Amino acid sequence: MDSEALSSDSHVAAAISTRRRSNSVSDDYSVQRTNDDATQCKFFAIQKGYWKDEFISRFANSSANVAEARRFPEISMGYWARTAAIEKYVREFLTEFNGKAQVVSFGCGFDTLFWRLVSSGSNLVKYVEVDFSSVTSKKIRHILKPVGSGSIDLKKSFESEAVVSHHSDLHAGNYHLVGADLRQSNELDQKLETCQLDYDIPTIFIAECVLVYMSANASSSLLKQIVSKFRQPAFVNYEQFRTSDAFTKVMEQNLGERGIQLHGLEMCESSEKQEERFRNAGFKTIKVMDMNQIFNNFLDQNEVARIRTIEMLDEMELLEQLLAHYCVVFARI
């Protein structure tokens, strides 16, 4: 797996740039630059009014300009749908178990879902985030940096004082952030042990464009590892979909020019492939929806109507094409 790619948003931007013959030039992506780029895209969409997130400013560079290709309305709409879908699944899971449940986010980047949940009054036992150490160490610095005027103290959401170890791990009672390579099962086990997770209570796992960067064998092993250790796991997975067509070939070419390889793309070809991977790992109930289904059926349609008015599209074809090539998988035991 190319450890420097944890976000798919450069794929979407590349496809839009190609389709619209944009002249923008993208750099090779390191882990940090990819994550920073994704954060800036979210920050831009939030400023446009797609959704509210008072915490992202702690991680975003407010003085940086978002590249032209990232400012297309389709990018912001895609981010909104992705963020809203993941949050809905997690909130419904926590509500189902009256907050007596845990959340584990793989490839978390600078995601702010923990703070959004806690600030809205959602109850949970523990929230654990995992990413490469190069990402978690920088996230820790953002969390702990001095609080400026008008800025939010992220530490106020913690149940206990934050303790940092090895510059890449942070433990604070209800919140844990650890650096680990998801392909290394022993390392992941050890890091999860430091978070003092309860393996017997319901636990929902999140992966947003993470498994696709792992080989099929590696992602399958990770899923089996989860099922073997946790008694009541659920998994919500967002990644590429319908990957056998020309759209994906263009995406692969653009990513290849940046040194990014999608080692797990074969598992993203169809609903059947996704279901097979999760079923073979031990999950019993698996639902796959592409992002058009998410956008038009799963999400609050009043919100969808509002989103459509923020930046009026000249045509819906491009948005629908983009949404058709991403999906959400929700799997349970």
Protein backbone atom coordinates (compact mmCIF):
# COMPACT_ATOMS: atom_id res chain seq x y z
CA MET A 1 0.00 0.00 0.00
CA ASP A 2 1.24 3.48 -0.80
CA SER A 3 1.32 5.00 2.68
CA GLU A 4 1.14 8.49 1.23
CA ALA A 5 -2.46 8.34 0.09
CA LEU A 6 -5.40 8.20 2.44
CA SER A 7 -7.86 10.53 0.73
CA SER A 8 -9.77 10.00 -2.51
CA ASP A 9 -10.58 13.60 -3.11
CA SER A 10 -7.63 14.14 -5.42
CA HIS A 11 -9.23 11.44 -7.60
CA VAL A 12 -12.47 13.38 -7.92
CA ALA A 13 -10.66 16.62 -8.59
CA ALA A 14 -8.50 14.90 -11.20
CA ALA A 15 -11.56 13.53 -12.97
CA ILE A 16 -13.23 16.93 -12.97
CA SER A 17 -10.06 18.59 -14.20
CA THR A 18 -9.79 16.12 -17.06
CA ARG A 19 -13.44 16.37 -17.97
CA ARG A 20 -13.36 20.16 -17.98
CA ARG A 21 -9.85 20.42 -19.45
CA SER A 22 -8.53 22.31 -16.47
CA ASN A 23 -4.97 23.59 -16.74
CA SER A 24 -4.23 23.14 -13.04
CA VAL A 25 -1.21 21.06 -12.16
CA SER A 26 -1.10 18.82 -9.10
CA ASP A 27 1.95 17.84 -7.12
CA ASP A 28 2.88 14.40 -5.97
CA TYR A 29 1.02 13.70 -2.77
CA SER A 30 2.62 12.76 0.50
CA VAL A 31 0.44 11.59 3.36
CA GLN A 32 0.50 14.99 4.95
CA ARG A 33 -0.19 16.96 1.80
CA THR A 34 -3.04 14.66 0.83
CA ASN A 35 -4.59 15.04 4.26
CA ASP A 36 -4.04 18.78 4.26
CA ASP A 37 -5.64 19.03 0.84
CA ALA A 38 -8.71 17.12 2.01
CA THR A 39 -8.98 19.33 5.09
CA GLN A 40 -8.80 22.47 2.97
CA CYS A 41 -11.51 21.15 0.67
CA LYS A 42 -13.78 20.53 3.65
CA PHE A 43 -12.96 23.94 5.08
CA PHE A 44 -13.88 25.55 1.76
CA ALA A 45 -17.19 23.66 1.56
CA ILE A 46 -18.04 24.57 5.15
CA GLN A 47 -17.35 28.24 4.43
CA LYS A 48 -19.72 28.00 1.47
CA GLY A 49 -22.42 26.74 3.83
CA TYR A 50 -22.69 23.07 2.90
CA TRP A 51 -22.55 22.02 6.55
CA LYS A 52 -21.47 23.37 9.92
CA ASP A 53 -18.24 22.39 11.61
CA GLU A 54 -16.85 24.81 14.17
CA PHE A 55 -13.86 22.56 14.86
CA ILE A 56 -12.23 22.21 11.45
CA SER A 57 -10.66 25.67 11.66
CA ARG A 58 -8.29 24.22 14.29
CA PHE A 59 -6.83 21.99 11.57
CA ALA A 60 -7.31 23.99 8.37
CA ASN A 61 -5.03 26.69 7.07
CA SER A 62 -7.43 29.60 6.81
CA SER A 63 -4.95 31.64 4.77
CA ALA A 64 -4.37 28.96 2.14
CA ASN A 65 -6.10 29.06 -1.21
CA VAL A 66 -7.99 25.96 -2.34
CA ALA A 67 -6.82 24.87 -5.78
CA GLU A 68 -9.22 25.76 -8.58
CA ALA A 69 -10.03 22.11 -9.31
CA ARG A 70 -11.13 21.66 -5.67
CA ARG A 71 -13.56 24.57 -5.83
CA PHE A 72 -15.99 22.93 -8.24
CA PRO A 73 -19.47 22.55 -6.69
CA GLU A 74 -19.38 18.81 -7.39
CA ILE A 75 -16.42 18.46 -5.02
CA SER A 76 -18.22 20.26 -2.20
CA MET A 77 -21.45 18.33 -2.80
CA GLY A 78 -19.51 15.07 -2.75
CA TYR A 79 -17.82 16.02 0.50
CA TRP A 80 -21.13 16.94 2.06
CA ALA A 81 -22.78 13.66 1.04
CA ARG A 82 -19.81 11.64 2.26
CA THR A 83 -19.60 13.47 5.59
CA ALA A 84 -23.36 13.38 6.17
CA ALA A 85 -23.66 9.67 5.36
CA ILE A 86 -20.84 8.59 7.67
CA GLU A 87 -22.16 10.78 10.48
CA LYS A 88 -25.70 9.44 10.06
CA TYR A 89 -24.55 5.83 10.28
CA VAL A 90 -22.47 6.55 13.39
CA ARG A 91 -25.19 8.55 15.16
CA GLU A 92 -27.80 5.88 14.47
CA PHE A 93 -25.46 3.20 15.80
CA LEU A 94 -24.75 5.13 19.00
CA THR A 95 -28.46 5.84 19.48
CA GLU A 96 -29.33 2.17 18.98
CA PHE A 97 -27.17 1.22 21.96
CA ASN A 98 -27.98 4.29 24.07
CA GLY A 99 -24.41 5.53 23.80
CA LYS A 100 -22.96 2.34 25.27
CA ALA A 101 -20.82 1.83 22.21
CA GLN A 102 -17.41 2.68 20.79
CA VAL A 103 -16.19 4.26 17.54
CA VAL A 104 -12.91 3.38 15.83
CA SER A 105 -11.88 5.49 12.83
CA PHE A 106 -9.21 4.11 10.49
CA GLY A 107 -7.23 6.59 8.38
CA CYS A 108 -8.80 9.43 10.36
CA GLY A 109 -6.68 12.28 9.05
CA PHE A 110 -7.89 15.58 10.52
CA ASP A 111 -11.49 14.42 10.78
CA THR A 112 -13.58 16.18 13.45
CA LEU A 113 -16.47 13.74 13.94
CA PHE A 114 -15.54 13.07 17.59
CA TRP A 115 -15.94 16.74 18.48
CA ARG A 116 -19.14 17.11 16.47
CA LEU A 117 -20.67 14.15 18.26
CA VAL A 118 -19.69 15.23 21.77
CA SER A 119 -20.68 18.87 21.24
CA SER A 120 -24.15 17.80 20.07
CA GLY A 121 -24.72 15.71 23.19
CA SER A 122 -24.18 12.26 21.68
CA ASN A 123 -23.10 9.69 24.24
CA LEU A 124 -20.35 7.21 23.57
CA VAL A 125 -17.95 5.11 25.62
CA LYS A 126 -14.82 5.75 23.61
CA TYR A 127 -13.69 7.23 20.30
CA VAL A 128 -10.43 5.94 18.82
CA GLU A 129 -8.66 7.33 15.76
CA VAL A 130 -5.87 5.54 13.89
CA ASP A 131 -3.63 6.83 11.14
CA PHE A 132 0.02 6.85 10.14
CA SER A 133 2.24 8.38 12.79
CA SER A 134 3.19 11.23 10.47
CA VAL A 135 -0.47 12.25 10.45
CA THR A 136 -1.33 11.61 14.10
CA SER A 137 1.69 13.53 15.37
CA LYS A 138 0.61 16.62 13.45
CA LYS A 139 -3.00 16.21 14.56
CA ILE A 140 -1.82 16.10 18.18
CA ARG A 141 0.04 19.37 17.71
CA HIS A 142 -3.13 20.98 16.35
CA ILE A 143 -5.20 19.64 19.24
CA LEU A 144 -2.79 20.87 21.88
CA LYS A 145 -1.77 24.20 20.35
CA PRO A 146 -2.71 27.36 22.28
CA VAL A 147 -6.28 28.51 21.89
CA GLY A 148 -6.46 31.88 20.15
CA SER A 149 -9.17 34.49 20.20
CA GLY A 150 -12.44 33.08 18.88
CA SER A 151 -10.94 29.60 18.62
CA ILE A 152 -12.27 26.45 20.28
CA ASP A 153 -10.35 24.45 22.88
CA LEU A 154 -10.59 20.89 21.58
CA LYS A 155 -9.34 19.51 24.90
CA LYS A 156 -12.59 20.52 26.61
CA SER A 157 -14.28 17.54 24.98
CA PHE A 158 -11.94 15.10 26.72
CA GLU A 159 -12.98 13.29 29.88
CA SER A 160 -9.45 13.31 31.27
CA GLU A 161 -6.22 15.20 30.77
CA ALA A 162 -4.52 14.42 27.48
CA VAL A 163 -1.41 12.26 27.78
CA VAL A 164 0.94 12.10 24.78
CA SER A 165 3.40 9.29 24.13
CA HIS A 166 5.97 8.82 21.37
CA HIS A 167 4.81 12.13 19.82
CA SER A 168 2.22 10.16 17.82
CA ASP A 169 -0.23 8.82 20.41
CA LEU A 170 -2.67 10.72 22.60
CA HIS A 171 -4.92 9.27 25.30
CA ALA A 172 -7.63 11.31 27.01
CA GLY A 173 -10.29 9.06 28.52
CA ASN A 174 -13.07 9.08 25.95
CA TYR A 175 -10.74 10.00 23.08
CA HIS A 176 -7.64 8.24 21.78
CA LEU A 177 -5.45 8.99 18.77
CA VAL A 178 -2.76 6.47 17.83
CA GLY A 179 -0.26 6.05 15.01
CA ALA A 180 -0.23 2.63 13.35
CA ASP A 181 0.06 0.91 9.98
CA LEU A 182 -3.22 -0.92 9.38
CA ARG A 183 -1.42 -3.59 7.36
CA GLN A 184 0.62 -4.59 10.41
CA SER A 185 -1.79 -6.60 12.54
CA ASN A 186 0.51 -6.92 15.56
CA GLU A 187 1.24 -3.21 15.62
CA LEU A 188 -2.45 -2.38 15.30
CA ASP A 189 -3.35 -4.80 18.09
CA GLN A 190 -0.77 -3.27 20.38
CA LYS A 191 -1.94 0.27 19.70
CA LEU A 192 -5.61 -0.62 20.22
CA GLU A 193 -4.68 -2.26 23.52
CA THR A 194 -3.27 1.06 24.74
CA CYS A 195 -6.70 2.60 24.14
CA GLN A 196 -8.32 0.16 26.58
CA LEU A 197 -11.18 -0.68 24.27
CA ASP A 198 -13.92 -2.99 25.48
CA TYR A 199 -14.07 -5.83 22.98
CA ASP A 200 -17.45 -7.00 24.22
CA ILE A 201 -19.55 -3.90 23.59
CA PRO A 202 -20.87 -2.67 20.22
CA THR A 203 -18.15 -0.95 18.19
CA ILE A 204 -18.52 0.78 14.84
CA PHE A 205 -15.49 1.12 12.57
CA ILE A 206 -15.08 3.86 9.97
CA ALA A 207 -12.86 3.77 6.87
CA GLU A 208 -13.05 6.52 4.27
CA CYS A 209 -10.97 5.71 1.19
CA VAL A 210 -8.57 3.61 3.22
CA LEU A 211 -9.10 -0.03 2.25
CA VAL A 212 -8.62 0.77 -1.45
CA TYR A 213 -4.98 1.61 -0.80
CA MET A 214 -4.39 -1.80 0.75
CA SER A 215 -4.10 -5.03 -1.18
CA ALA A 216 -7.19 -7.22 -1.24
CA ASN A 217 -5.46 -9.67 1.10
CA ALA A 218 -4.45 -6.92 3.52
CA SER A 219 -7.92 -5.36 3.75
CA SER A 220 -9.52 -8.79 4.13
CA SER A 221 -7.11 -9.63 6.93
CA LEU A 222 -7.94 -6.36 8.68
CA LEU A 223 -11.67 -7.10 8.53
CA LYS A 224 -11.13 -10.64 9.83
CA GLN A 225 -8.98 -9.24 12.63
CA ILE A 226 -11.85 -6.99 13.68
CA VAL A 227 -14.41 -9.81 13.65
CA SER A 228 -12.12 -12.08 15.65
CA LYS A 229 -11.46 -9.49 18.38
CA PHE A 230 -14.75 -7.60 18.71
CA ARG A 231 -17.98 -9.32 19.71
CA GLN A 232 -20.40 -6.80 18.17
CA PRO A 233 -18.63 -4.94 15.36
CA ALA A 234 -20.15 -2.86 12.59
CA PHE A 235 -18.22 -1.30 9.71
CA VAL A 236 -18.98 1.68 7.51
CA ASN A 237 -16.72 1.89 4.48
CA TYR A 238 -16.59 4.69 1.90
CA GLU A 239 -14.53 4.21 -1.25
CA GLN A 240 -14.46 3.90 -5.02
CA PHE A 241 -17.10 1.91 -6.91
CA ARG A 242 -17.70 0.55 -10.44
CA THR A 243 -14.00 0.62 -11.14
CA SER A 244 -13.86 -1.23 -14.45
CA ASP A 245 -14.80 1.64 -16.73
CA ALA A 246 -13.06 4.54 -18.47
CA PHE A 247 -13.78 6.93 -15.59
CA THR A 248 -11.62 4.83 -13.26
CA LYS A 249 -8.88 4.45 -15.86
CA VAL A 250 -8.57 8.24 -16.04
CA MET A 251 -8.51 8.40 -12.26
CA GLU A 252 -5.80 5.72 -12.05
CA GLN A 253 -3.71 7.51 -14.66
CA ASN A 254 -3.90 10.80 -12.78
CA LEU A 255 -3.02 9.13 -9.51
CA GLY A 256 -0.23 7.13 -11.07
CA GLU A 257 1.39 10.36 -12.21
CA ARG A 258 1.45 11.36 -8.52
CA GLY A 259 2.98 8.04 -7.43
CA ILE A 260 -0.26 6.83 -5.87
CA GLN A 261 -1.37 3.24 -6.45
CA LEU A 262 -4.78 1.78 -5.66
CA HIS A 263 -3.78 -1.73 -4.65
CA GLY A 264 -7.29 -2.74 -3.58
CA LEU A 265 -9.20 -1.50 -6.59
CA GLU A 266 -10.31 -5.00 -7.55
CA MET A 267 -12.52 -5.13 -4.46
CA CYS A 268 -14.35 -1.98 -5.58
CA GLU A 269 -15.65 -3.26 -8.91
CA SER A 270 -19.19 -4.06 -7.80
CA SER A 271 -21.62 -4.59 -4.94
CA GLU A 272 -20.95 -8.30 -5.23
CA LYS A 273 -17.21 -7.81 -4.69
CA GLN A 274 -17.78 -5.61 -1.66
CA GLU A 275 -20.30 -8.03 -0.17
CA GLU A 276 -17.97 -10.96 -0.77
CA ARG A 277 -15.09 -9.27 1.06
CA PHE A 278 -17.16 -8.44 4.13
CA ARG A 279 -19.03 -11.76 4.17
CA ASN A 280 -15.79 -13.74 3.94
CA ALA A 281 -14.51 -11.78 6.94
CA GLY A 282 -17.50 -12.86 9.01
CA PHE A 283 -19.99 -10.03 8.60
CA LYS A 284 -23.56 -11.27 8.14
CA THR A 285 -25.56 -8.20 7.06
CA ILE A 286 -24.03 -6.07 4.30
CA LYS A 287 -25.65 -3.17 2.47
CA VAL A 288 -23.98 -1.38 -0.43
CA MET A 289 -25.25 1.94 -1.83
CA ASP A 290 -23.59 4.12 -4.39
CA MET A 291 -23.45 7.82 -3.58
CA ASN A 292 -26.34 8.62 -5.91
CA GLN A 293 -28.52 6.37 -3.76
CA ILE A 294 -27.07 7.99 -0.65
CA PHE A 295 -27.72 11.46 -2.05
CA ASN A 296 -31.24 10.80 -3.33
CA ASN A 297 -32.61 8.28 -0.82
CA PHE A 298 -30.55 7.84 2.34
CA LEU A 299 -29.89 11.44 3.34
CA ASP A 300 -32.44 14.00 4.54
CA GLN A 301 -34.08 15.24 1.33
CA ASN A 302 -34.77 18.66 2.82
CA GLU A 303 -31.02 18.99 3.29
CA VAL A 304 -30.38 17.72 -0.23
CA ALA A 305 -32.72 20.39 -1.58
CA ARG A 306 -30.84 23.04 0.40
CA ILE A 307 -27.47 21.75 -0.84
CA ARG A 308 -28.62 21.97 -4.45
CA THR A 309 -29.30 25.71 -4.07
CA ILE A 310 -25.90 26.69 -2.66
CA GLU A 311 -24.12 26.54 -6.01
CA MET A 312 -26.44 25.92 -8.91
CA LEU A 313 -25.08 23.37 -11.36
CA ASP A 314 -25.34 23.93 -15.10
CA GLU A 315 -25.80 20.19 -15.51
CA MET A 316 -26.32 17.24 -13.18
CA GLU A 317 -24.57 14.69 -15.39
CA LEU A 318 -21.08 15.25 -13.99
CA LEU A 319 -22.24 15.11 -10.36
CA GLU A 320 -24.21 11.94 -11.01
CA GLN A 321 -21.23 10.36 -12.74
CA LEU A 322 -18.94 11.18 -9.83
CA LEU A 323 -21.42 9.93 -7.24
CA ALA A 324 -21.90 6.71 -9.21
CA HIS A 325 -18.21 5.90 -8.76
CA TYR A 326 -18.20 5.99 -4.95
CA CYS A 327 -20.17 3.94 -2.48
CA VAL A 328 -20.86 3.33 1.18
CA VAL A 329 -20.82 -0.18 2.59
CA PHE A 330 -22.44 -0.82 5.96
CA ALA A 331 -21.74 -4.23 7.44
CA ARG A 332 -22.70 -5.89 10.72
CA ILE A 333 -22.31 -9.24 12.42
